[in-house]
Amino acid sequence: NTEKTIVNEFELTCDENAWKIAMVGTIHSIAQAFALLIGGFFSD
């Protein structure tokens, strides 16, 4: 009961919400791919 994540905070329980949890990491990785382009341009 002491552990709080977005699962119990935003009620992302059961199989119908499993894709929402998996989507967090996927969205993060997609952003990193775009960051390679933006960061390289800005750095140069």
ModelCIF file with pLDDT and N, C-alpha, C, O atoms, coordinates in Angstrom:
data_MODEL
#
_entry.id   MODEL 
#
_entity.id                         1 
_entity.type                       polymer 
_entity.pdbx_number_of_molecules   1 
#
_entity_poly.entity_id                      1 
_entity_poly.type                           'polypeptide(L)' 
_entity_poly.nstd_linkage                   no 
_entity_poly.nstd_monomer                   no 
_entity_poly.pdbx_seq_one_letter_code       NTEKTIVNEFELTCDENAWKIAMVGTIHSIAQAFALLIGGFFSD 
_entity_poly.pdbx_seq_one_letter_code_can   NTEKTIVNEFELTCDENAWKIAMVGTIHSIAQAFALLIGGFFSD 
_entity_poly.pdbx_strand_id                 A 
#
loop_
_entity_poly_seq.entity_id 
_entity_poly_seq.num 
_entity_poly_seq.mon_id 
_entity_poly_seq.hetero 
1 1  ASN n 
1 2  THR n 
1 3  GLU n 
1 4  LYS n 
1 5  THR n 
1 6  ILE n 
1 7  VAL n 
1 8  ASN n 
1 9  GLU n 
1 10 PHE n 
1 11 GLU n 
1 12 LEU n 
1 13 THR n 
1 14 CYS n 
1 15 ASP n 
1 16 GLU n 
1 17 ASN n 
1 18 ALA n 
1 19 TRP n 
1 20 LYS n 
1 21 ILE n 
1 22 ALA n 
1 23 MET n 
1 24 VAL n 
1 25 GLY n 
1 26 THR n 
1 27 ILE n 
1 28 HIS n 
1 29 SER n 
1 30 ILE n 
1 31 ALA n 
1 32 GLN n 
1 33 ALA n 
1 34 PHE n 
1 35 ALA n 
1 36 LEU n 
1 37 LEU n 
1 38 ILE n 
1 39 GLY n 
1 40 GLY n 
1 41 PHE n 
1 42 PHE n 
1 43 SER n 
1 44 ASP n 
#
_struct_asym.id          A 
_struct_asym.entity_id   1 
#
loop_
_ma_qa_metric.id 
_ma_qa_metric.mode 
_ma_qa_metric.name 
_ma_qa_metric.software_group_id 
_ma_qa_metric.type 
1 global pLDDT . pLDDT 
2 local  pLDDT . pLDDT 
#
_ma_qa_metric_global.metric_id      1 
_ma_qa_metric_global.metric_value   88.82 
_ma_qa_metric_global.model_id       1 
_ma_qa_metric_global.ordinal_id     1 
#
loop_
_ma_qa_metric_local.label_asym_id 
_ma_qa_metric_local.label_comp_id 
_ma_qa_metric_local.label_seq_id 
_ma_qa_metric_local.metric_id 
_ma_qa_metric_local.metric_value 
_ma_qa_metric_local.model_id 
_ma_qa_metric_local.ordinal_id 
A ASN 1  2 85.00 1 1  
A THR 2  2 88.00 1 2  
A GLU 3  2 92.00 1 3  
A LYS 4  2 95.00 1 4  
A THR 5  2 96.00 1 5  
A ILE 6  2 97.00 1 6  
A VAL 7  2 95.00 1 7  
A ASN 8  2 93.00 1 8  
A GLU 9  2 94.00 1 9  
A PHE 10 2 95.00 1 10 
A GLU 11 2 92.00 1 11 
A LEU 12 2 95.00 1 12 
A THR 13 2 93.00 1 13 
A CYS 14 2 92.00 1 14 
A ASP 15 2 86.00 1 15 
A GLU 16 2 88.00 1 16 
A ASN 17 2 91.00 1 17 
A ALA 18 2 89.00 1 18 
A TRP 19 2 92.00 1 19 
A LYS 20 2 94.00 1 20 
A ILE 21 2 93.00 1 21 
A ALA 22 2 90.00 1 22 
A MET 23 2 94.00 1 23 
A VAL 24 2 95.00 1 24 
A GLY 25 2 92.00 1 25 
A THR 26 2 92.00 1 26 
A ILE 27 2 95.00 1 27 
A HIS 28 2 94.00 1 28 
A SER 29 2 90.00 1 29 
A ILE 30 2 91.00 1 30 
A ALA 31 2 92.00 1 31 
A GLN 32 2 87.00 1 32 
A ALA 33 2 83.00 1 33 
A PHE 34 2 86.00 1 34 
A ALA 35 2 87.00 1 35 
A LEU 36 2 76.00 1 36 
A LEU 37 2 74.00 1 37 
A ILE 38 2 83.00 1 38 
A GLY 39 2 80.00 1 39 
A GLY 40 2 73.00 1 40 
A PHE 41 2 76.00 1 41 
A PHE 42 2 84.00 1 42 
A SER 43 2 82.00 1 43 
A ASP 44 2 77.00 1 44 
#
loop_
_atom_site.group_PDB 
_atom_site.id 
_atom_site.type_symbol 
_atom_site.label_atom_id 
_atom_site.label_alt_id 
_atom_site.label_comp_id 
_atom_site.label_asym_id 
_atom_site.label_entity_id 
_atom_site.label_seq_id 
_atom_site.pdbx_PDB_ins_code 
_atom_site.Cartn_x 
_atom_site.Cartn_y 
_atom_site.Cartn_z 
_atom_site.occupancy 
_atom_site.B_iso_or_equiv 
_atom_site.pdbx_formal_charge 
_atom_site.auth_seq_id 
_atom_site.auth_comp_id 
_atom_site.auth_asym_id 
_atom_site.auth_atom_id 
_atom_site.pdbx_PDB_model_num 
ATOM 1   N N  . ASN A 1 1  ? 0.808  -1.219 0.000   1.00 85.00 ? 1  ASN A N  1 
ATOM 2   C CA . ASN A 1 1  ? 0.000  0.000  0.000   1.00 85.00 ? 1  ASN A CA 1 
ATOM 3   C C  . ASN A 1 1  ? 0.840  1.269  0.000   1.00 85.00 ? 1  ASN A C  1 
ATOM 4   O O  . ASN A 1 1  ? 0.328  2.347  -0.301  1.00 85.00 ? 1  ASN A O  1 
ATOM 5   N N  . THR A 1 2  ? 2.136  1.155  0.337   1.00 88.00 ? 2  THR A N  1 
ATOM 6   C CA . THR A 1 2  ? 2.989  2.342  0.382   1.00 88.00 ? 2  THR A CA 1 
ATOM 7   C C  . THR A 1 2  ? 3.554  2.698  -0.994  1.00 88.00 ? 2  THR A C  1 
ATOM 8   O O  . THR A 1 2  ? 4.012  3.822  -1.199  1.00 88.00 ? 2  THR A O  1 
ATOM 9   N N  . GLU A 1 3  ? 3.527  1.751  -1.939  1.00 92.00 ? 3  GLU A N  1 
ATOM 10  C CA . GLU A 1 3  ? 4.099  2.005  -3.269  1.00 92.00 ? 3  GLU A CA 1 
ATOM 11  C C  . GLU A 1 3  ? 3.060  2.673  -4.164  1.00 92.00 ? 3  GLU A C  1 
ATOM 12  O O  . GLU A 1 3  ? 1.954  2.163  -4.349  1.00 92.00 ? 3  GLU A O  1 
ATOM 13  N N  . LYS A 1 4  ? 3.439  3.823  -4.713  1.00 95.00 ? 4  LYS A N  1 
ATOM 14  C CA . LYS A 1 4  ? 2.552  4.591  -5.580  1.00 95.00 ? 4  LYS A CA 1 
ATOM 15  C C  . LYS A 1 4  ? 3.209  4.794  -6.942  1.00 95.00 ? 4  LYS A C  1 
ATOM 16  O O  . LYS A 1 4  ? 4.290  5.375  -7.034  1.00 95.00 ? 4  LYS A O  1 
ATOM 17  N N  . THR A 1 5  ? 2.561  4.321  -7.987  1.00 96.00 ? 5  THR A N  1 
ATOM 18  C CA . THR A 1 5  ? 2.998  4.587  -9.358  1.00 96.00 ? 5  THR A CA 1 
ATOM 19  C C  . THR A 1 5  ? 1.794  5.135  -10.114 1.00 96.00 ? 5  THR A C  1 
ATOM 20  O O  . THR A 1 5  ? 0.716  5.300  -9.543  1.00 96.00 ? 5  THR A O  1 
ATOM 21  N N  . ILE A 1 6  ? 1.983  5.416  -11.393 1.00 97.00 ? 6  ILE A N  1 
ATOM 22  C CA . ILE A 1 6  ? 0.844  5.932  -12.157 1.00 97.00 ? 6  ILE A CA 1 
ATOM 23  C C  . ILE A 1 6  ? -0.245 4.872  -12.324 1.00 97.00 ? 6  ILE A C  1 
ATOM 24  O O  . ILE A 1 6  ? -1.369 5.195  -12.709 1.00 97.00 ? 6  ILE A O  1 
ATOM 25  N N  . VAL A 1 7  ? 0.082  3.602  -12.035 1.00 95.00 ? 7  VAL A N  1 
ATOM 26  C CA . VAL A 1 7  ? -0.914 2.528  -12.166 1.00 95.00 ? 7  VAL A CA 1 
ATOM 27  C C  . VAL A 1 7  ? -2.048 2.728  -11.175 1.00 95.00 ? 7  VAL A C  1 
ATOM 28  O O  . VAL A 1 7  ? -3.216 2.728  -11.562 1.00 95.00 ? 7  VAL A O  1 
ATOM 29  N N  . ASN A 1 8  ? -1.712 2.899  -9.882  1.00 93.00 ? 8  ASN A N  1 
ATOM 30  C CA . ASN A 1 8  ? -2.791 3.115  -8.907  1.00 93.00 ? 8  ASN A CA 1 
ATOM 31  C C  . ASN A 1 8  ? -3.183 4.582  -8.789  1.00 93.00 ? 8  ASN A C  1 
ATOM 32  O O  . ASN A 1 8  ? -4.268 4.898  -8.301  1.00 93.00 ? 8  ASN A O  1 
ATOM 33  N N  . GLU A 1 9  ? -2.299 5.487  -9.236  1.00 94.00 ? 9  GLU A N  1 
ATOM 34  C CA . GLU A 1 9  ? -2.636 6.912  -9.203  1.00 94.00 ? 9  GLU A CA 1 
ATOM 35  C C  . GLU A 1 9  ? -3.705 7.255  -10.236 1.00 94.00 ? 9  GLU A C  1 
ATOM 36  O O  . GLU A 1 9  ? -4.659 7.976  -9.943  1.00 94.00 ? 9  GLU A O  1 
ATOM 37  N N  . PHE A 1 10 ? -3.531 6.723  -11.461 1.00 95.00 ? 10 PHE A N  1 
ATOM 38  C CA . PHE A 1 10 ? -4.449 7.052  -12.554 1.00 95.00 ? 10 PHE A CA 1 
ATOM 39  C C  . PHE A 1 10 ? -5.335 5.870  -12.943 1.00 95.00 ? 10 PHE A C  1 
ATOM 40  O O  . PHE A 1 10 ? -5.954 5.876  -14.007 1.00 95.00 ? 10 PHE A O  1 
ATOM 41  N N  . GLU A 1 11 ? -5.394 4.836  -12.062 1.00 92.00 ? 11 GLU A N  1 
ATOM 42  C CA . GLU A 1 11 ? -6.260 3.672  -12.240 1.00 92.00 ? 11 GLU A CA 1 
ATOM 43  C C  . GLU A 1 11 ? -6.018 2.970  -13.584 1.00 92.00 ? 11 GLU A C  1 
ATOM 44  O O  . GLU A 1 11 ? -6.946 2.752  -14.363 1.00 92.00 ? 11 GLU A O  1 
ATOM 45  N N  . LEU A 1 12 ? -4.755 2.624  -13.833 1.00 95.00 ? 12 LEU A N  1 
ATOM 46  C CA . LEU A 1 12 ? -4.380 1.918  -15.068 1.00 95.00 ? 12 LEU A CA 1 
ATOM 47  C C  . LEU A 1 12 ? -4.284 0.423  -14.783 1.00 95.00 ? 12 LEU A C  1 
ATOM 48  O O  . LEU A 1 12 ? -3.260 -0.207 -15.045 1.00 95.00 ? 12 LEU A O  1 
ATOM 49  N N  . THR A 1 13 ? -5.357 -0.129 -14.246 1.00 93.00 ? 13 THR A N  1 
ATOM 50  C CA . THR A 1 13 ? -5.347 -1.523 -13.828 1.00 93.00 ? 13 THR A CA 1 
ATOM 51  C C  . THR A 1 13 ? -5.950 -2.426 -14.907 1.00 93.00 ? 13 THR A C  1 
ATOM 52  O O  . THR A 1 13 ? -6.650 -1.974 -15.813 1.00 93.00 ? 13 THR A O  1 
ATOM 53  N N  . CYS A 1 14 ? -5.651 -3.711 -14.771 1.00 92.00 ? 14 CYS A N  1 
ATOM 54  C CA . CYS A 1 14 ? -6.215 -4.786 -15.597 1.00 92.00 ? 14 CYS A CA 1 
ATOM 55  C C  . CYS A 1 14 ? -5.686 -4.753 -17.038 1.00 92.00 ? 14 CYS A C  1 
ATOM 56  O O  . CYS A 1 14 ? -5.026 -3.799 -17.451 1.00 92.00 ? 14 CYS A O  1 
ATOM 57  N N  . ASP A 1 15 ? -5.987 -5.802 -17.779 1.00 86.00 ? 15 ASP A N  1 
ATOM 58  C CA . ASP A 1 15 ? -5.420 -5.993 -19.110 1.00 86.00 ? 15 ASP A CA 1 
ATOM 59  C C  . ASP A 1 15 ? -5.803 -4.901 -20.086 1.00 86.00 ? 15 ASP A C  1 
ATOM 60  O O  . ASP A 1 15 ? -5.026 -4.581 -20.986 1.00 86.00 ? 15 ASP A O  1 
ATOM 61  N N  . GLU A 1 16 ? -6.983 -4.321 -19.930 1.00 88.00 ? 16 GLU A N  1 
ATOM 62  C CA . GLU A 1 16 ? -7.420 -3.304 -20.893 1.00 88.00 ? 16 GLU A CA 1 
ATOM 63  C C  . GLU A 1 16 ? -6.580 -2.033 -20.819 1.00 88.00 ? 16 GLU A C  1 
ATOM 64  O O  . GLU A 1 16 ? -6.612 -1.215 -21.738 1.00 88.00 ? 16 GLU A O  1 
ATOM 65  N N  . ASN A 1 17 ? -5.824 -1.861 -19.728 1.00 91.00 ? 17 ASN A N  1 
ATOM 66  C CA . ASN A 1 17 ? -4.965 -0.687 -19.590 1.00 91.00 ? 17 ASN A CA 1 
ATOM 67  C C  . ASN A 1 17 ? -3.484 -1.033 -19.696 1.00 91.00 ? 17 ASN A C  1 
ATOM 68  O O  . ASN A 1 17 ? -2.628 -0.161 -19.548 1.00 91.00 ? 17 ASN A O  1 
ATOM 69  N N  . ALA A 1 18 ? -3.181 -2.307 -19.954 1.00 89.00 ? 18 ALA A N  1 
ATOM 70  C CA . ALA A 1 18 ? -1.778 -2.725 -20.022 1.00 89.00 ? 18 ALA A CA 1 
ATOM 71  C C  . ALA A 1 18 ? -1.029 -2.000 -21.127 1.00 89.00 ? 18 ALA A C  1 
ATOM 72  O O  . ALA A 1 18 ? 0.152  -1.685 -20.980 1.00 89.00 ? 18 ALA A O  1 
ATOM 73  N N  . TRP A 1 19 ? -1.716 -1.733 -22.239 1.00 92.00 ? 19 TRP A N  1 
ATOM 74  C CA . TRP A 1 19 ? -1.052 -1.042 -23.347 1.00 92.00 ? 19 TRP A CA 1 
ATOM 75  C C  . TRP A 1 19 ? -0.653 0.378  -22.967 1.00 92.00 ? 19 TRP A C  1 
ATOM 76  O O  . TRP A 1 19 ? 0.320  0.911  -23.500 1.00 92.00 ? 19 TRP A O  1 
ATOM 77  N N  . LYS A 1 20 ? -1.392 0.993  -22.058 1.00 94.00 ? 20 LYS A N  1 
ATOM 78  C CA . LYS A 1 20 ? -1.045 2.352  -21.631 1.00 94.00 ? 20 LYS A CA 1 
ATOM 79  C C  . LYS A 1 20 ? 0.266  2.362  -20.848 1.00 94.00 ? 20 LYS A C  1 
ATOM 80  O O  . LYS A 1 20 ? 1.069  3.287  -20.974 1.00 94.00 ? 20 LYS A O  1 
ATOM 81  N N  . ILE A 1 21 ? 0.468  1.334  -20.047 1.00 93.00 ? 21 ILE A N  1 
ATOM 82  C CA . ILE A 1 21 ? 1.725  1.242  -19.296 1.00 93.00 ? 21 ILE A CA 1 
ATOM 83  C C  . ILE A 1 21 ? 2.894  1.000  -20.251 1.00 93.00 ? 21 ILE A C  1 
ATOM 84  O O  . ILE A 1 21 ? 3.942  1.634  -20.129 1.00 93.00 ? 21 ILE A O  1 
ATOM 85  N N  . ALA A 1 22 ? 2.709  0.079  -21.203 1.00 90.00 ? 22 ALA A N  1 
ATOM 86  C CA . ALA A 1 22 ? 3.764  -0.210 -22.179 1.00 90.00 ? 22 ALA A CA 1 
ATOM 87  C C  . ALA A 1 22 ? 4.045  0.999  -23.067 1.00 90.00 ? 22 ALA A C  1 
ATOM 88  O O  . ALA A 1 22 ? 5.178  1.197  -23.508 1.00 90.00 ? 22 ALA A O  1 
ATOM 89  N N  . MET A 1 23 ? 3.018  1.809  -23.329 1.00 94.00 ? 23 MET A N  1 
ATOM 90  C CA . MET A 1 23 ? 3.173  2.963  -24.207 1.00 94.00 ? 23 MET A CA 1 
ATOM 91  C C  . MET A 1 23 ? 4.125  4.009  -23.627 1.00 94.00 ? 23 MET A C  1 
ATOM 92  O O  . MET A 1 23 ? 4.733  4.773  -24.377 1.00 94.00 ? 23 MET A O  1 
ATOM 93  N N  . VAL A 1 24 ? 4.259  4.050  -22.306 1.00 95.00 ? 24 VAL A N  1 
ATOM 94  C CA . VAL A 1 24 ? 5.138  5.037  -21.671 1.00 95.00 ? 24 VAL A CA 1 
ATOM 95  C C  . VAL A 1 24 ? 6.575  4.857  -22.151 1.00 95.00 ? 24 VAL A C  1 
ATOM 96  O O  . VAL A 1 24 ? 7.216  5.818  -22.577 1.00 95.00 ? 24 VAL A O  1 
ATOM 97  N N  . GLY A 1 25 ? 7.082  3.616  -22.081 1.00 92.00 ? 25 GLY A N  1 
ATOM 98  C CA . GLY A 1 25 ? 8.447  3.355  -22.532 1.00 92.00 ? 25 GLY A CA 1 
ATOM 99  C C  . GLY A 1 25 ? 8.615  3.536  -24.026 1.00 92.00 ? 25 GLY A C  1 
ATOM 100 O O  . GLY A 1 25 ? 9.661  3.999  -24.483 1.00 92.00 ? 25 GLY A O  1 
ATOM 101 N N  . THR A 1 26 ? 7.600  3.178  -24.791 1.00 92.00 ? 26 THR A N  1 
ATOM 102 C CA . THR A 1 26 ? 7.664  3.326  -26.247 1.00 92.00 ? 26 THR A CA 1 
ATOM 103 C C  . THR A 1 26 ? 7.721  4.794  -26.645 1.00 92.00 ? 26 THR A C  1 
ATOM 104 O O  . THR A 1 26 ? 8.525  5.177  -27.496 1.00 92.00 ? 26 THR A O  1 
ATOM 105 N N  . ILE A 1 27 ? 6.876  5.614  -26.039 1.00 95.00 ? 27 ILE A N  1 
ATOM 106 C CA . ILE A 1 27 ? 6.873  7.053  -26.319 1.00 95.00 ? 27 ILE A CA 1 
ATOM 107 C C  . ILE A 1 27 ? 8.217  7.667  -25.949 1.00 95.00 ? 27 ILE A C  1 
ATOM 108 O O  . ILE A 1 27 ? 8.731  8.528  -26.663 1.00 95.00 ? 27 ILE A O  1 
ATOM 109 N N  . HIS A 1 28 ? 8.781  7.224  -24.834 1.00 94.00 ? 28 HIS A N  1 
ATOM 110 C CA . HIS A 1 28 ? 10.092 7.715  -24.405 1.00 94.00 ? 28 HIS A CA 1 
ATOM 111 C C  . HIS A 1 28 ? 11.164 7.414  -25.449 1.00 94.00 ? 28 HIS A C  1 
ATOM 112 O O  . HIS A 1 28 ? 11.991 8.271  -25.759 1.00 94.00 ? 28 HIS A O  1 
ATOM 113 N N  . SER A 1 29 ? 11.148 6.196  -25.992 1.00 90.00 ? 29 SER A N  1 
ATOM 114 C CA . SER A 1 29 ? 12.158 5.797  -26.974 1.00 90.00 ? 29 SER A CA 1 
ATOM 115 C C  . SER A 1 29 ? 11.971 6.524  -28.300 1.00 90.00 ? 29 SER A C  1 
ATOM 116 O O  . SER A 1 29 ? 12.953 6.877  -28.952 1.00 90.00 ? 29 SER A O  1 
ATOM 117 N N  . ILE A 1 30 ? 10.730 6.751  -28.705 1.00 91.00 ? 30 ILE A N  1 
ATOM 118 C CA . ILE A 1 30 ? 10.475 7.513  -29.929 1.00 91.00 ? 30 ILE A CA 1 
ATOM 119 C C  . ILE A 1 30 ? 11.032 8.921  -29.794 1.00 91.00 ? 30 ILE A C  1 
ATOM 120 O O  . ILE A 1 30 ? 11.624 9.453  -30.734 1.00 91.00 ? 30 ILE A O  1 
ATOM 121 N N  . ALA A 1 31 ? 10.846 9.523  -28.632 1.00 92.00 ? 31 ALA A N  1 
ATOM 122 C CA . ALA A 1 31 ? 11.370 10.870 -28.390 1.00 92.00 ? 31 ALA A CA 1 
ATOM 123 C C  . ALA A 1 31 ? 12.888 10.885 -28.466 1.00 92.00 ? 31 ALA A C  1 
ATOM 124 O O  . ALA A 1 31 ? 13.473 11.841 -28.974 1.00 92.00 ? 31 ALA A O  1 
ATOM 125 N N  . GLN A 1 32 ? 13.536 9.829  -27.964 1.00 87.00 ? 32 GLN A N  1 
ATOM 126 C CA . GLN A 1 32 ? 14.999 9.760  -28.030 1.00 87.00 ? 32 GLN A CA 1 
ATOM 127 C C  . GLN A 1 32 ? 15.495 9.712  -29.476 1.00 87.00 ? 32 GLN A C  1 
ATOM 128 O O  . GLN A 1 32 ? 16.534 10.285 -29.802 1.00 87.00 ? 32 GLN A O  1 
ATOM 129 N N  . ALA A 1 33 ? 14.741 9.021  -30.343 1.00 83.00 ? 33 ALA A N  1 
ATOM 130 C CA . ALA A 1 33 ? 15.124 8.948  -31.754 1.00 83.00 ? 33 ALA A CA 1 
ATOM 131 C C  . ALA A 1 33 ? 15.087 10.335 -32.398 1.00 83.00 ? 33 ALA A C  1 
ATOM 132 O O  . ALA A 1 33 ? 16.010 10.707 -33.123 1.00 83.00 ? 33 ALA A O  1 
ATOM 133 N N  . PHE A 1 34 ? 14.042 11.087 -32.139 1.00 86.00 ? 34 PHE A N  1 
ATOM 134 C CA . PHE A 1 34 ? 13.959 12.454 -32.654 1.00 86.00 ? 34 PHE A CA 1 
ATOM 135 C C  . PHE A 1 34 ? 15.039 13.339 -32.039 1.00 86.00 ? 34 PHE A C  1 
ATOM 136 O O  . PHE A 1 34 ? 15.558 14.245 -32.691 1.00 86.00 ? 34 PHE A O  1 
ATOM 137 N N  . ALA A 1 35 ? 15.372 13.067 -30.778 1.00 87.00 ? 35 ALA A N  1 
ATOM 138 C CA . ALA A 1 35 ? 16.377 13.875 -30.087 1.00 87.00 ? 35 ALA A CA 1 
ATOM 139 C C  . ALA A 1 35 ? 17.742 13.770 -30.754 1.00 87.00 ? 35 ALA A C  1 
ATOM 140 O O  . ALA A 1 35 ? 18.520 14.723 -30.727 1.00 87.00 ? 35 ALA A O  1 
ATOM 141 N N  . LEU A 1 36 ? 18.043 12.602 -31.362 1.00 76.00 ? 36 LEU A N  1 
ATOM 142 C CA . LEU A 1 36 ? 19.319 12.444 -32.058 1.00 76.00 ? 36 LEU A CA 1 
ATOM 143 C C  . LEU A 1 36 ? 19.468 13.469 -33.176 1.00 76.00 ? 36 LEU A C  1 
ATOM 144 O O  . LEU A 1 36 ? 20.550 14.009 -33.404 1.00 76.00 ? 36 LEU A O  1 
ATOM 145 N N  . LEU A 1 37 ? 18.357 13.726 -33.872 1.00 74.00 ? 37 LEU A N  1 
ATOM 146 C CA . LEU A 1 37 ? 18.391 14.706 -34.965 1.00 74.00 ? 37 LEU A CA 1 
ATOM 147 C C  . LEU A 1 37 ? 18.464 16.127 -34.439 1.00 74.00 ? 37 LEU A C  1 
ATOM 148 O O  . LEU A 1 37 ? 19.277 16.927 -34.901 1.00 74.00 ? 37 LEU A O  1 
ATOM 149 N N  . ILE A 1 38 ? 17.607 16.442 -33.467 1.00 83.00 ? 38 ILE A N  1 
ATOM 150 C CA . ILE A 1 38 ? 17.566 17.799 -32.924 1.00 83.00 ? 38 ILE A CA 1 
ATOM 151 C C  . ILE A 1 38 ? 18.857 18.133 -32.200 1.00 83.00 ? 38 ILE A C  1 
ATOM 152 O O  . ILE A 1 38 ? 19.429 19.204 -32.401 1.00 83.00 ? 38 ILE A O  1 
ATOM 153 N N  . GLY A 1 39 ? 19.320 17.210 -31.349 1.00 80.00 ? 39 GLY A N  1 
ATOM 154 C CA . GLY A 1 39 ? 20.523 17.461 -30.571 1.00 80.00 ? 39 GLY A CA 1 
ATOM 155 C C  . GLY A 1 39 ? 21.760 17.627 -31.432 1.00 80.00 ? 39 GLY A C  1 
ATOM 156 O O  . GLY A 1 39 ? 22.598 18.488 -31.164 1.00 80.00 ? 39 GLY A O  1 
ATOM 157 N N  . GLY A 1 40 ? 21.880 16.797 -32.477 1.00 73.00 ? 40 GLY A N  1 
ATOM 158 C CA . GLY A 1 40 ? 23.043 16.924 -33.362 1.00 73.00 ? 40 GLY A CA 1 
ATOM 159 C C  . GLY A 1 40 ? 23.080 18.260 -34.073 1.00 73.00 ? 40 GLY A C  1 
ATOM 160 O O  . GLY A 1 40 ? 24.136 18.883 -34.181 1.00 73.00 ? 40 GLY A O  1 
ATOM 161 N N  . PHE A 1 41 ? 21.928 18.704 -34.560 1.00 76.00 ? 41 PHE A N  1 
ATOM 162 C CA . PHE A 1 41 ? 21.854 20.000 -35.235 1.00 76.00 ? 41 PHE A CA 1 
ATOM 163 C C  . PHE A 1 41 ? 22.204 21.135 -34.280 1.00 76.00 ? 41 PHE A C  1 
ATOM 164 O O  . PHE A 1 41 ? 22.994 22.015 -34.620 1.00 76.00 ? 41 PHE A O  1 
ATOM 165 N N  . PHE A 1 42 ? 21.616 21.116 -33.083 1.00 84.00 ? 42 PHE A N  1 
ATOM 166 C CA . PHE A 1 42 ? 21.851 22.184 -32.108 1.00 84.00 ? 42 PHE A CA 1 
ATOM 167 C C  . PHE A 1 42 ? 23.311 22.209 -31.675 1.00 84.00 ? 42 PHE A C  1 
ATOM 168 O O  . PHE A 1 42 ? 23.914 23.276 -31.560 1.00 84.00 ? 42 PHE A O  1 
ATOM 169 N N  . SER A 1 43 ? 23.875 21.029 -31.436 1.00 82.00 ? 43 SER A N  1 
ATOM 170 C CA . SER A 1 43 ? 25.259 20.935 -30.983 1.00 82.00 ? 43 SER A CA 1 
ATOM 171 C C  . SER A 1 43 ? 26.226 21.439 -32.046 1.00 82.00 ? 43 SER A C  1 
ATOM 172 O O  . SER A 1 43 ? 27.179 22.148 -31.724 1.00 82.00 ? 43 SER A O  1 
ATOM 173 N N  . ASP A 1 44 ? 25.995 21.082 -33.309 1.00 77.00 ? 44 ASP A N  1 
ATOM 174 C CA . ASP A 1 44 ? 26.871 21.518 -34.388 1.00 77.00 ? 44 ASP A CA 1 
ATOM 175 C C  . ASP A 1 44 ? 26.761 23.026 -34.644 1.00 77.00 ? 44 ASP A C  1 
ATOM 176 O O  . ASP A 1 44 ? 27.438 23.554 -35.527 1.00 77.00 ? 44 ASP A O  1 
#
